[in-house]
Amino acid sequence: MDEAAKYEFAIALCRDAPQPFQMRKRDRDRAEALRLAGGRPPSLRDRAVALAQVRCEVRTRDLTDIGIPRCYLSRMCGEGLLVKVGYGRYRAAALTAA
């Protein structure tokens, strides 16, 4: 007797069901290391904005000393993260409350 005939609503089982995604060991190890370290380190943009918020006004040299390339500064000004005050001087853009 057919198994499906025993039940009113038979559920067909797919024998070719896709297997769940298997993560490579290397990726699992990286994810575990990130989790144990407390997450990802802050990005260059986050570090630049944080420094500008702490110091109110920063020089280009202050930002390059912590590893932020000068080419990032004009991009960050264009995105509204930093405001150029004068030659080689920047401050954090005013944050608006949501």
PDB file of N, CA and C in Angstrom:
ATOM      1  N   MET A   1       0.843  -1.174   0.000  1.00  0.00           N
ATOM      2  CA  MET A   1       0.000   0.000   0.000  1.00  0.00           C
ATOM      3  C   MET A   1       0.892   1.242   0.000  1.00  0.00           C
ATOM      4  N   ASP A   2       0.460   2.252  -0.705  1.00  0.00           N
ATOM      5  CA  ASP A   2       1.217   3.490  -0.811  1.00  0.00           C
ATOM      6  C   ASP A   2       1.120   4.264   0.508  1.00  0.00           C
ATOM      7  N   GLU A   3       2.244   4.831   0.949  1.00  0.00           N
ATOM      8  CA  GLU A   3       2.280   5.589   2.199  1.00  0.00           C
ATOM      9  C   GLU A   3       1.377   6.818   2.136  1.00  0.00           C
ATOM     10  N   ALA A   4       1.294   7.463   0.976  1.00  0.00           N
ATOM     11  CA  ALA A   4       0.486   8.667   0.845  1.00  0.00           C
ATOM     12  C   ALA A   4      -1.002   8.359   0.964  1.00  0.00           C
ATOM     13  N   ALA A   5      -1.401   7.161   0.665  1.00  0.00           N
ATOM     14  CA  ALA A   5      -2.812   6.801   0.722  1.00  0.00           C
ATOM     15  C   ALA A   5      -3.310   6.702   2.160  1.00  0.00           C
ATOM     16  N   LYS A   6      -2.422   6.567   3.129  1.00  0.00           N
ATOM     17  CA  LYS A   6      -2.816   6.429   4.526  1.00  0.00           C
ATOM     18  C   LYS A   6      -3.281   7.752   5.137  1.00  0.00           C
ATOM     19  N   TYR A   7      -2.865   8.850   4.562  1.00  0.00           N
ATOM     20  CA  TYR A   7      -3.125  10.154   5.170  1.00  0.00           C
ATOM     21  C   TYR A   7      -3.986  11.005   4.252  1.00  0.00           C
ATOM     22  N   GLU A   8      -4.764  11.885   4.866  1.00  0.00           N
ATOM     23  CA  GLU A   8      -5.644  12.745   4.092  1.00  0.00           C
ATOM     24  C   GLU A   8      -4.848  13.804   3.326  1.00  0.00           C
ATOM     25  N   PHE A   9      -3.897  14.429   3.989  1.00  0.00           N
ATOM     26  CA  PHE A   9      -3.052  15.433   3.358  1.00  0.00           C
ATOM     27  C   PHE A   9      -1.623  14.919   3.356  1.00  0.00           C
ATOM     28  N   ALA A  10      -1.259  14.316   2.291  1.00  0.00           N
ATOM     29  CA  ALA A  10       0.091  13.770   2.199  1.00  0.00           C
ATOM     30  C   ALA A  10       1.063  14.883   1.831  1.00  0.00           C
ATOM     31  N   ILE A  11       2.211  14.884   2.467  1.00  0.00           N
ATOM     32  CA  ILE A  11       3.257  15.856   2.170  1.00  0.00           C
ATOM     33  C   ILE A  11       4.307  15.144   1.340  1.00  0.00           C
ATOM     34  N   ALA A  12       4.493  15.646   0.145  1.00  0.00           N
ATOM     35  CA  ALA A  12       5.483  15.032  -0.730  1.00  0.00           C
ATOM     36  C   ALA A  12       6.871  15.464  -0.273  1.00  0.00           C
ATOM     37  N   LEU A  13       7.742  14.513  -0.119  1.00  0.00           N
ATOM     38  CA  LEU A  13       9.114  14.807   0.273  1.00  0.00           C
ATOM     39  C   LEU A  13       9.977  14.896  -0.968  1.00  0.00           C
ATOM     40  N   CYS A  14      10.659  15.983  -1.105  1.00  0.00           N
ATOM     41  CA  CYS A  14      11.564  16.142  -2.239  1.00  0.00           C
ATOM     42  C   CYS A  14      12.879  15.449  -1.918  1.00  0.00           C
ATOM     43  N   ARG A  15      13.234  14.547  -2.750  1.00  0.00           N
ATOM     44  CA  ARG A  15      14.501  13.857  -2.547  1.00  0.00           C
ATOM     45  C   ARG A  15      15.662  14.720  -3.030  1.00  0.00           C
ATOM     46  N   ASP A  16      15.350  15.673  -3.927  1.00  0.00           N
ATOM     47  CA  ASP A  16      16.390  16.539  -4.474  1.00  0.00           C
ATOM     48  C   ASP A  16      16.349  17.924  -3.826  1.00  0.00           C
ATOM     49  N   ALA A  17      15.948  17.995  -2.579  1.00  0.00           N
ATOM     50  CA  ALA A  17      15.869  19.285  -1.894  1.00  0.00           C
ATOM     51  C   ALA A  17      17.267  19.882  -1.767  1.00  0.00           C
ATOM     52  N   PRO A  18      17.379  21.196  -1.966  1.00  0.00           N
ATOM     53  CA  PRO A  18      18.701  21.818  -1.859  1.00  0.00           C
ATOM     54  C   PRO A  18      19.236  21.730  -0.433  1.00  0.00           C
ATOM     55  N   GLN A  19      20.495  21.455  -0.325  1.00  0.00           N
ATOM     56  CA  GLN A  19      21.143  21.359   0.973  1.00  0.00           C
ATOM     57  C   GLN A  19      21.387  22.763   1.516  1.00  0.00           C
ATOM     58  N   PRO A  20      21.366  22.933   2.824  1.00  0.00           N
ATOM     59  CA  PRO A  20      21.654  24.255   3.377  1.00  0.00           C
ATOM     60  C   PRO A  20      23.085  24.672   3.047  1.00  0.00           C
ATOM     61  N   PHE A  21      23.274  25.988   2.966  1.00  0.00           N
ATOM     62  CA  PHE A  21      24.578  26.537   2.611  1.00  0.00           C
ATOM     63  C   PHE A  21      25.623  26.116   3.638  1.00  0.00           C
ATOM     64  N   GLN A  22      26.709  25.559   3.155  1.00  0.00           N
ATOM     65  CA  GLN A  22      27.810  25.154   4.024  1.00  0.00           C
ATOM     66  C   GLN A  22      28.900  26.209   3.960  1.00  0.00           C
ATOM     67  N   MET A  23      29.227  26.791   5.094  1.00  0.00           N
ATOM     68  CA  MET A  23      30.266  27.809   5.148  1.00  0.00           C
ATOM     69  C   MET A  23      31.625  27.119   5.235  1.00  0.00           C
ATOM     70  N   ARG A  24      32.587  27.683   4.509  1.00  0.00           N
ATOM     71  CA  ARG A  24      33.926  27.113   4.554  1.00  0.00           C
ATOM     72  C   ARG A  24      34.532  27.312   5.934  1.00  0.00           C
ATOM     73  N   LYS A  25      35.458  26.432   6.283  1.00  0.00           N
ATOM     74  CA  LYS A  25      36.096  26.502   7.594  1.00  0.00           C
ATOM     75  C   LYS A  25      36.815  27.827   7.782  1.00  0.00           C
ATOM     76  N   ARG A  26      37.481  28.297   6.740  1.00  0.00           N
ATOM     77  CA  ARG A  26      38.204  29.565   6.832  1.00  0.00           C
ATOM     78  C   ARG A  26      37.243  30.699   7.173  1.00  0.00           C
ATOM     79  N   ASP A  27      36.072  30.712   6.520  1.00  0.00           N
ATOM     80  CA  ASP A  27      35.093  31.757   6.785  1.00  0.00           C
ATOM     81  C   ASP A  27      34.490  31.619   8.181  1.00  0.00           C
ATOM     82  N   ARG A  28      34.278  30.380   8.624  1.00  0.00           N
ATOM     83  CA  ARG A  28      33.783  30.169   9.982  1.00  0.00           C
ATOM     84  C   ARG A  28      34.781  30.678  11.009  1.00  0.00           C
ATOM     85  N   ASP A  29      36.074  30.403  10.767  1.00  0.00           N
ATOM     86  CA  ASP A  29      37.111  30.858  11.695  1.00  0.00           C
ATOM     87  C   ASP A  29      37.184  32.379  11.738  1.00  0.00           C
ATOM     88  N   ARG A  30      37.060  33.028  10.577  1.00  0.00           N
ATOM     89  CA  ARG A  30      37.080  34.497  10.543  1.00  0.00           C
ATOM     90  C   ARG A  30      35.881  35.078  11.277  1.00  0.00           C
ATOM     91  N   ALA A  31      34.717  34.501  11.052  1.00  0.00           N
ATOM     92  CA  ALA A  31      33.512  34.986  11.719  1.00  0.00           C
ATOM     93  C   ALA A  31      33.622  34.800  13.231  1.00  0.00           C
ATOM     94  N   GLU A  32      34.187  33.693  13.651  1.00  0.00           N
ATOM     95  CA  GLU A  32      34.367  33.438  15.082  1.00  0.00           C
ATOM     96  C   GLU A  32      35.356  34.420  15.694  1.00  0.00           C
ATOM     97  N   ALA A  33      36.445  34.705  14.970  1.00  0.00           N
ATOM     98  CA  ALA A  33      37.435  35.662  15.470  1.00  0.00           C
ATOM     99  C   ALA A  33      36.825  37.057  15.585  1.00  0.00           C
ATOM    100  N   LEU A  34      36.010  37.462  14.600  1.00  0.00           N
ATOM    101  CA  LEU A  34      35.342  38.761  14.669  1.00  0.00           C
ATOM    102  C   LEU A  34      34.374  38.821  15.843  1.00  0.00           C
ATOM    103  N   ARG A  35      33.653  37.740  16.051  1.00  0.00           N
ATOM    104  CA  ARG A  35      32.691  37.707  17.145  1.00  0.00           C
ATOM    105  C   ARG A  35      33.395  37.817  18.487  1.00  0.00           C
ATOM    106  N   LEU A  36      34.509  37.102  18.646  1.00  0.00           N
ATOM    107  CA  LEU A  36      35.246  37.134  19.905  1.00  0.00           C
ATOM    108  C   LEU A  36      35.928  38.477  20.134  1.00  0.00           C
ATOM    109  N   ALA A  37      36.324  39.147  19.053  1.00  0.00           N
ATOM    110  CA  ALA A  37      37.002  40.442  19.179  1.00  0.00           C
ATOM    111  C   ALA A  37      36.016  41.577  19.425  1.00  0.00           C
ATOM    112  N   GLY A  38      34.737  41.288  19.405  1.00  0.00           N
ATOM    113  CA  GLY A  38      33.755  42.330  19.662  1.00  0.00           C
ATOM    114  C   GLY A  38      33.237  42.990  18.405  1.00  0.00           C
ATOM    115  N   GLY A  39      33.375  42.367  17.269  1.00  0.00           N
ATOM    116  CA  GLY A  39      32.866  42.930  16.021  1.00  0.00           C
ATOM    117  C   GLY A  39      33.976  43.493  15.164  1.00  0.00           C
ATOM    118  N   ARG A  40      33.573  44.149  14.110  1.00  0.00           N
ATOM    119  CA  ARG A  40      34.536  44.731  13.177  1.00  0.00           C
ATOM    120  C   ARG A  40      35.183  45.968  13.785  1.00  0.00           C
ATOM    121  N   PRO A  41      36.433  46.206  13.432  1.00  0.00           N
ATOM    122  CA  PRO A  41      37.058  47.450  13.891  1.00  0.00           C
ATOM    123  C   PRO A  41      36.410  48.636  13.179  1.00  0.00           C
ATOM    124  N   PRO A  42      36.472  49.820  13.766  1.00  0.00           N
ATOM    125  CA  PRO A  42      35.848  50.977  13.117  1.00  0.00           C
ATOM    126  C   PRO A  42      36.514  51.286  11.783  1.00  0.00           C
ATOM    127  N   SER A  43      35.710  51.708  10.824  1.00  0.00           N
ATOM    128  CA  SER A  43      36.236  52.031   9.500  1.00  0.00           C
ATOM    129  C   SER A  43      37.011  53.340   9.569  1.00  0.00           C
ATOM    130  N   LEU A  44      37.714  53.648   8.485  1.00  0.00           N
ATOM    131  CA  LEU A  44      38.473  54.895   8.433  1.00  0.00           C
ATOM    132  C   LEU A  44      37.549  56.095   8.569  1.00  0.00           C
ATOM    133  N   ARG A  45      36.394  56.018   7.943  1.00  0.00           N
ATOM    134  CA  ARG A  45      35.444  57.127   8.027  1.00  0.00           C
ATOM    135  C   ARG A  45      34.945  57.305   9.456  1.00  0.00           C
ATOM    136  N   ASP A  46      34.651  56.199  10.127  1.00  0.00           N
ATOM    137  CA  ASP A  46      34.197  56.290  11.516  1.00  0.00           C
ATOM    138  C   ASP A  46      35.274  56.899  12.404  1.00  0.00           C
ATOM    139  N   ARG A  47      36.517  56.492  12.173  1.00  0.00           N
ATOM    140  CA  ARG A  47      37.618  57.025  12.974  1.00  0.00           C
ATOM    141  C   ARG A  47      37.805  58.515  12.735  1.00  0.00           C
ATOM    142  N   ALA A  48      37.673  58.947  11.475  1.00  0.00           N
ATOM    143  CA  ALA A  48      37.846  60.365  11.151  1.00  0.00           C
ATOM    144  C   ALA A  48      36.753  61.210  11.790  1.00  0.00           C
ATOM    145  N   VAL A  49      35.518  60.762  11.696  1.00  0.00           N
ATOM    146  CA  VAL A  49      34.408  61.520  12.268  1.00  0.00           C
ATOM    147  C   VAL A  49      34.518  61.544  13.790  1.00  0.00           C
ATOM    148  N   ALA A  50      34.909  60.426  14.397  1.00  0.00           N
ATOM    149  CA  ALA A  50      35.055  60.382  15.853  1.00  0.00           C
ATOM    150  C   ALA A  50      36.131  61.351  16.325  1.00  0.00           C
ATOM    151  N   LEU A  51      37.255  61.397  15.617  1.00  0.00           N
ATOM    152  CA  LEU A  51      38.326  62.326  15.988  1.00  0.00           C
ATOM    153  C   LEU A  51      37.862  63.770  15.830  1.00  0.00           C
ATOM    154  N   ALA A  52      37.139  64.058  14.767  1.00  0.00           N
ATOM    155  CA  ALA A  52      36.644  65.415  14.544  1.00  0.00           C
ATOM    156  C   ALA A  52      35.618  65.811  15.607  1.00  0.00           C
ATOM    157  N   GLN A  53      34.824  64.870  16.070  1.00  0.00           N
ATOM    158  CA  GLN A  53      33.847  65.180  17.110  1.00  0.00           C
ATOM    159  C   GLN A  53      34.521  65.421  18.453  1.00  0.00           C
ATOM    160  N   VAL A  54      35.591  64.673  18.724  1.00  0.00           N
ATOM    161  CA  VAL A  54      36.294  64.836  19.998  1.00  0.00           C
ATOM    162  C   VAL A  54      37.059  66.150  20.031  1.00  0.00           C
ATOM    163  N   ARG A  55      37.755  66.461  18.965  1.00  0.00           N
ATOM    164  CA  ARG A  55      38.607  67.655  18.939  1.00  0.00           C
ATOM    165  C   ARG A  55      37.912  68.901  18.405  1.00  0.00           C
ATOM    166  N   CYS A  56      36.695  68.775  17.949  1.00  0.00           N
ATOM    167  CA  CYS A  56      35.912  69.876  17.357  1.00  0.00           C
ATOM    168  C   CYS A  56      36.470  70.319  16.004  1.00  0.00           C
ATOM    169  N   GLU A  57      37.766  70.483  15.891  1.00  0.00           N
ATOM    170  CA  GLU A  57      38.373  70.860  14.619  1.00  0.00           C
ATOM    171  C   GLU A  57      39.689  70.105  14.487  1.00  0.00           C
ATOM    172  N   VAL A  58      39.896  69.497  13.326  1.00  0.00           N
ATOM    173  CA  VAL A  58      41.110  68.705  13.112  1.00  0.00           C
ATOM    174  C   VAL A  58      41.839  69.207  11.880  1.00  0.00           C
ATOM    175  N   ARG A  59      43.136  68.961  11.886  1.00  0.00           N
ATOM    176  CA  ARG A  59      43.954  69.307  10.733  1.00  0.00           C
ATOM    177  C   ARG A  59      44.111  68.071   9.859  1.00  0.00           C
ATOM    178  N   THR A  60      44.522  68.299   8.637  1.00  0.00           N
ATOM    179  CA  THR A  60      44.780  67.187   7.721  1.00  0.00           C
ATOM    180  C   THR A  60      45.835  66.267   8.307  1.00  0.00           C
ATOM    181  N   ARG A  61      46.829  66.843   8.935  1.00  0.00           N
ATOM    182  CA  ARG A  61      47.903  66.040   9.512  1.00  0.00           C
ATOM    183  C   ARG A  61      47.383  65.138  10.634  1.00  0.00           C
ATOM    184  N   ASP A  62      46.457  65.628  11.443  1.00  0.00           N
ATOM    185  CA  ASP A  62      45.886  64.803  12.509  1.00  0.00           C
ATOM    186  C   ASP A  62      45.223  63.558  11.930  1.00  0.00           C
ATOM    187  N   LEU A  63      44.535  63.736  10.824  1.00  0.00           N
ATOM    188  CA  LEU A  63      43.836  62.611  10.200  1.00  0.00           C
ATOM    189  C   LEU A  63      44.810  61.659   9.514  1.00  0.00           C
ATOM    190  N   THR A  64      45.838  62.190   8.872  1.00  0.00           N
ATOM    191  CA  THR A  64      46.811  61.306   8.222  1.00  0.00           C
ATOM    192  C   THR A  64      47.649  60.567   9.257  1.00  0.00           C
ATOM    193  N   ASP A  65      47.815  61.152  10.447  1.00  0.00           N
ATOM    194  CA  ASP A  65      48.565  60.469  11.504  1.00  0.00           C
ATOM    195  C   ASP A  65      47.853  59.212  11.998  1.00  0.00           C
ATOM    196  N   ILE A  66      46.533  59.192  11.918  1.00  0.00           N
ATOM    197  CA  ILE A  66      45.815  57.988  12.350  1.00  0.00           C
ATOM    198  C   ILE A  66      45.506  57.062  11.176  1.00  0.00           C
ATOM    199  N   GLY A  67      46.084  57.357  10.006  1.00  0.00           N
ATOM    200  CA  GLY A  67      45.998  56.430   8.882  1.00  0.00           C
ATOM    201  C   GLY A  67      44.922  56.722   7.860  1.00  0.00           C
ATOM    202  N   ILE A  68      44.362  57.909   7.863  1.00  0.00           N
ATOM    203  CA  ILE A  68      43.308  58.239   6.905  1.00  0.00           C
ATOM    204  C   ILE A  68      43.931  58.980   5.731  1.00  0.00           C
ATOM    205  N   PRO A  69      43.818  58.446   4.519  1.00  0.00           N
ATOM    206  CA  PRO A  69      44.396  59.115   3.345  1.00  0.00           C
ATOM    207  C   PRO A  69      43.719  60.460   3.083  1.00  0.00           C
ATOM    208  N   ARG A  70      44.481  61.387   2.547  1.00  0.00           N
ATOM    209  CA  ARG A  70      43.939  62.725   2.279  1.00  0.00           C
ATOM    210  C   ARG A  70      42.828  62.697   1.241  1.00  0.00           C
ATOM    211  N   CYS A  71      42.888  61.740   0.314  1.00  0.00           N
ATOM    212  CA  CYS A  71      41.852  61.678  -0.726  1.00  0.00           C
ATOM    213  C   CYS A  71      40.480  61.355  -0.128  1.00  0.00           C
ATOM    214  N   TYR A  72      40.445  60.733   1.053  1.00  0.00           N
ATOM    215  CA  TYR A  72      39.172  60.434   1.702  1.00  0.00           C
ATOM    216  C   TYR A  72      38.487  61.698   2.204  1.00  0.00           C
ATOM    217  N   LEU A  73      39.263  62.729   2.507  1.00  0.00           N
ATOM    218  CA  LEU A  73      38.697  63.916   3.137  1.00  0.00           C
ATOM    219  C   LEU A  73      37.706  64.625   2.219  1.00  0.00           C
ATOM    220  N   SER A  74      38.059  64.779   0.948  1.00  0.00           N
ATOM    221  CA  SER A  74      37.128  65.442   0.026  1.00  0.00           C
ATOM    222  C   SER A  74      35.883  64.588  -0.195  1.00  0.00           C
ATOM    223  N   ARG A  75      36.039  63.277  -0.206  1.00  0.00           N
ATOM    224  CA  ARG A  75      34.874  62.393  -0.355  1.00  0.00           C
ATOM    225  C   ARG A  75      33.953  62.519   0.854  1.00  0.00           C
ATOM    226  N   MET A  76      34.565  62.571   2.038  1.00  0.00           N
ATOM    227  CA  MET A  76      33.768  62.680   3.257  1.00  0.00           C
ATOM    228  C   MET A  76      33.065  64.034   3.336  1.00  0.00           C
ATOM    229  N   CYS A  77      33.697  65.070   2.819  1.00  0.00           N
ATOM    230  CA  CYS A  77      33.040  66.385   2.758  1.00  0.00           C
ATOM    231  C   CYS A  77      31.860  66.331   1.791  1.00  0.00           C
ATOM    232  N   GLY A  78      32.044  65.644   0.674  1.00  0.00           N
ATOM    233  CA  GLY A  78      30.963  65.504  -0.299  1.00  0.00           C
ATOM    234  C   GLY A  78      29.784  64.714   0.242  1.00  0.00           C
ATOM    235  N   GLU A  79      30.056  63.764   1.125  1.00  0.00           N
ATOM    236  CA  GLU A  79      28.993  62.956   1.724  1.00  0.00           C
ATOM    237  C   GLU A  79      28.346  63.646   2.914  1.00  0.00           C
ATOM    238  N   GLY A  80      28.933  64.744   3.361  1.00  0.00           N
ATOM    239  CA  GLY A  80      28.358  65.468   4.483  1.00  0.00           C
ATOM    240  C   GLY A  80      28.818  64.991   5.840  1.00  0.00           C
ATOM    241  N   LEU A  81      29.873  64.181   5.891  1.00  0.00           N
ATOM    242  CA  LEU A  81      30.387  63.717   7.176  1.00  0.00           C
ATOM    243  C   LEU A  81      31.303  64.751   7.821  1.00  0.00           C
ATOM    244  N   LEU A  82      32.083  65.434   7.008  1.00  0.00           N
ATOM    245  CA  LEU A  82      32.986  66.479   7.490  1.00  0.00           C
ATOM    246  C   LEU A  82      32.660  67.779   6.769  1.00  0.00           C
ATOM    247  N   VAL A  83      33.028  68.879   7.399  1.00  0.00           N
ATOM    248  CA  VAL A  83      32.869  70.203   6.801  1.00  0.00           C
ATOM    249  C   VAL A  83      34.243  70.840   6.758  1.00  0.00           C
ATOM    250  N   LYS A  84      34.618  71.351   5.586  1.00  0.00           N
ATOM    251  CA  LYS A  84      35.918  72.009   5.450  1.00  0.00           C
ATOM    252  C   LYS A  84      35.791  73.434   5.972  1.00  0.00           C
ATOM    253  N   VAL A  85      36.572  73.731   7.007  1.00  0.00           N
ATOM    254  CA  VAL A  85      36.516  75.042   7.643  1.00  0.00           C
ATOM    255  C   VAL A  85      37.462  76.002   6.953  1.00  0.00           C
ATOM    256  N   GLY A  86      38.638  75.526   6.625  1.00  0.00           N
ATOM    257  CA  GLY A  86      39.648  76.341   5.972  1.00  0.00           C
ATOM    258  C   GLY A  86      40.670  75.423   5.345  1.00  0.00           C
ATOM    259  N   TYR A  87      41.769  76.012   4.920  1.00  0.00           N
ATOM    260  CA  TYR A  87      42.817  75.229   4.281  1.00  0.00           C
ATOM    261  C   TYR A  87      43.378  74.223   5.280  1.00  0.00           C
ATOM    262  N   GLY A  88      43.150  72.937   5.026  1.00  0.00           N
ATOM    263  CA  GLY A  88      43.680  71.874   5.875  1.00  0.00           C
ATOM    264  C   GLY A  88      42.979  71.723   7.204  1.00  0.00           C
ATOM    265  N   ARG A  89      41.810  72.302   7.367  1.00  0.00           N
ATOM    266  CA  ARG A  89      41.083  72.219   8.638  1.00  0.00           C
ATOM    267  C   ARG A  89      39.660  71.726   8.379  1.00  0.00           C
ATOM    268  N   TYR A  90      39.254  70.776   9.210  1.00  0.00           N
ATOM    269  CA  TYR A  90      37.942  70.145   9.058  1.00  0.00           C
ATOM    270  C   TYR A  90      37.275  70.043  10.417  1.00  0.00           C
ATOM    271  N   ARG A  91      35.962  69.958  10.389  1.00  0.00           N
ATOM    272  CA  ARG A  91      35.201  69.679  11.602  1.00  0.00           C
ATOM    273  C   ARG A  91      34.086  68.706  11.244  1.00  0.00           C
ATOM    274  N   ALA A  92      33.534  68.055  12.259  1.00  0.00           N
ATOM    275  CA  ALA A  92      32.446  67.104  12.031  1.00  0.00           C
ATOM    276  C   ALA A  92      31.182  67.868  11.666  1.00  0.00           C
ATOM    277  N   ALA A  93      30.421  67.313  10.761  1.00  0.00           N
ATOM    278  CA  ALA A  93      29.154  67.932  10.370  1.00  0.00           C
ATOM    279  C   ALA A  93      28.180  67.821  11.534  1.00  0.00           C
ATOM    280  N   ALA A  94      27.302  68.793  11.661  1.00  0.00           N
ATOM    281  CA  ALA A  94      26.310  68.779  12.739  1.00  0.00           C
ATOM    282  C   ALA A  94      25.335  67.641  12.492  1.00  0.00           C
ATOM    283  N   LEU A  95      25.105  66.837  13.514  1.00  0.00           N
ATOM    284  CA  LEU A  95      24.167  65.728  13.404  1.00  0.00           C
ATOM    285  C   LEU A  95      22.775  66.227  13.748  1.00  0.00           C
ATOM    286  N   THR A  96      21.790  65.800  12.972  1.00  0.00           N
ATOM    287  CA  THR A  96      20.409  66.176  13.241  1.00  0.00           C
ATOM    288  C   THR A  96      19.701  65.023  13.925  1.00  0.00           C
ATOM    289  N   ALA A  97      18.845  65.340  14.871  1.00  0.00           N
ATOM    290  CA  ALA A  97      18.096  64.310  15.582  1.00  0.00           C
ATOM    291  C   ALA A  97      17.007  63.759  14.679  1.00  0.00           C
ATOM    292  N   ALA A  98      16.789  62.458  14.768  1.00  0.00           N
ATOM    293  CA  ALA A  98      15.772  61.821  13.926  1.00  0.00           C
ATOM    294  C   ALA A  98      14.417  61.903  14.572  1.00  0.00           C
TER     295      ALA A  98
END
